[in-house]
Amino acid sequence: MDKASDAAQSAKESIQAGGQQVKAKAQGAVDALKDATGTK
């Protein structure tokens, strides 16, 4: 049972890390657009 919960925890952490990367990329794209259009 421990292995199953460890695997679930690892999967959860991977998903959260992936979500953080996506958020950071989206924020970077928004910032680039703002720079391009001159709005801050």
N, C-alpha and C. Protein backbone atom coordinates (compact mmCIF):
# COMPACT_ATOMS: atom_id res chain seq x y z
N MET A 1 0.84 -1.20 0.00
CA MET A 1 0.00 0.00 0.00
C MET A 1 0.87 1.26 0.00
N ASP A 2 2.01 1.19 0.68
CA ASP A 2 2.92 2.35 0.71
C ASP A 2 3.37 2.74 -0.69
N LYS A 3 3.71 1.73 -1.50
CA LYS A 3 4.17 2.02 -2.85
C LYS A 3 3.11 2.75 -3.65
N ALA A 4 1.87 2.33 -3.49
CA ALA A 4 0.77 2.97 -4.22
C ALA A 4 0.64 4.43 -3.81
N SER A 5 0.71 4.71 -2.52
CA SER A 5 0.57 6.10 -2.09
C SER A 5 1.79 6.93 -2.49
N ASP A 6 2.97 6.31 -2.50
CA ASP A 6 4.17 7.02 -2.97
C ASP A 6 4.01 7.40 -4.44
N ALA A 7 3.51 6.46 -5.23
CA ALA A 7 3.33 6.71 -6.65
C ALA A 7 2.31 7.82 -6.87
N ALA A 8 1.24 7.79 -6.10
CA ALA A 8 0.21 8.82 -6.21
C ALA A 8 0.79 10.18 -5.85
N GLN A 9 1.60 10.23 -4.81
CA GLN A 9 2.21 11.49 -4.38
C GLN A 9 3.16 12.01 -5.46
N SER A 10 3.96 11.12 -6.05
CA SER A 10 4.89 11.53 -7.10
C SER A 10 4.13 12.09 -8.30
N ALA A 11 3.07 11.41 -8.67
CA ALA A 11 2.26 11.86 -9.81
C ALA A 11 1.68 13.24 -9.52
N LYS A 12 1.19 13.42 -8.32
CA LYS A 12 0.61 14.70 -7.92
C LYS A 12 1.65 15.81 -8.02
N GLU A 13 2.85 15.53 -7.54
CA GLU A 13 3.91 16.54 -7.58
C GLU A 13 4.32 16.85 -9.01
N SER A 14 4.38 15.84 -9.86
CA SER A 14 4.72 16.05 -11.26
C SER A 14 3.70 16.94 -11.94
N ILE A 15 2.42 16.67 -11.68
CA ILE A 15 1.34 17.46 -12.27
C ILE A 15 1.43 18.90 -11.79
N GLN A 16 1.70 19.09 -10.52
CA GLN A 16 1.80 20.45 -9.98
C GLN A 16 2.99 21.19 -10.60
N ALA A 17 4.12 20.50 -10.75
CA ALA A 17 5.29 21.13 -11.35
C ALA A 17 4.99 21.51 -12.80
N GLY A 18 4.32 20.63 -13.52
CA GLY A 18 3.94 20.92 -14.90
C GLY A 18 3.03 22.13 -14.97
N GLY A 19 2.10 22.22 -14.05
CA GLY A 19 1.20 23.36 -14.01
C GLY A 19 1.95 24.66 -13.78
N GLN A 20 2.96 24.62 -12.93
CA GLN A 20 3.76 25.81 -12.67
C GLN A 20 4.49 26.26 -13.93
N GLN A 21 5.03 25.29 -14.70
CA GLN A 21 5.73 25.63 -15.93
C GLN A 21 4.80 26.26 -16.94
N VAL A 22 3.62 25.69 -17.07
CA VAL A 22 2.64 26.23 -18.01
C VAL A 22 2.27 27.66 -17.62
N LYS A 23 2.07 27.86 -16.33
CA LYS A 23 1.72 29.21 -15.83
C LYS A 23 2.84 30.20 -16.14
N ALA A 24 4.08 29.79 -15.90
CA ALA A 24 5.21 30.67 -16.14
C ALA A 24 5.33 31.01 -17.62
N LYS A 25 5.12 30.02 -18.49
CA LYS A 25 5.18 30.26 -19.94
C LYS A 25 4.07 31.21 -20.37
N ALA A 26 2.88 31.00 -19.84
CA ALA A 26 1.75 31.87 -20.18
C ALA A 26 2.04 33.30 -19.73
N GLN A 27 2.59 33.45 -18.54
CA GLN A 27 2.92 34.78 -18.02
C GLN A 27 3.98 35.43 -18.91
N GLY A 28 4.96 34.65 -19.35
CA GLY A 28 6.00 35.16 -20.23
C GLY A 28 5.40 35.65 -21.55
N ALA A 29 4.45 34.90 -22.09
CA ALA A 29 3.80 35.28 -23.34
C ALA A 29 3.02 36.58 -23.16
N VAL A 30 2.32 36.70 -22.05
CA VAL A 30 1.58 37.93 -21.75
C VAL A 30 2.53 39.11 -21.65
N ASP A 31 3.64 38.92 -20.95
CA ASP A 31 4.62 40.00 -20.82
C ASP A 31 5.20 40.40 -22.17
N ALA A 32 5.49 39.41 -23.02
CA ALA A 32 6.02 39.70 -24.35
C ALA A 32 5.02 40.50 -25.17
N LEU A 33 3.76 40.12 -25.08
CA LEU A 33 2.71 40.85 -25.80
C LEU A 33 2.62 42.29 -25.30
N LYS A 34 2.67 42.46 -23.99
CA LYS A 34 2.61 43.81 -23.42
C LYS A 34 3.78 44.64 -23.92
N ASP A 35 4.98 44.05 -23.96
CA ASP A 35 6.15 44.77 -24.45
C ASP A 35 5.95 45.16 -25.91
N ALA A 36 5.43 44.24 -26.71
CA ALA A 36 5.25 44.48 -28.13
C ALA A 36 4.24 45.59 -28.40
N THR A 37 3.20 45.66 -27.57
CA THR A 37 2.16 46.67 -27.79
C THR A 37 2.42 47.94 -27.00
N GLY A 38 3.44 47.92 -26.15
CA GLY A 38 3.78 49.11 -25.39
C GLY A 38 2.91 49.34 -24.18
N THR A 39 2.10 48.37 -23.79
CA THR A 39 1.27 48.53 -22.59
C THR A 39 1.95 47.85 -21.42
N LYS A 40 1.98 48.51 -20.30
CA LYS A 40 2.58 47.91 -19.11
C LYS A 40 1.55 47.85 -18.00
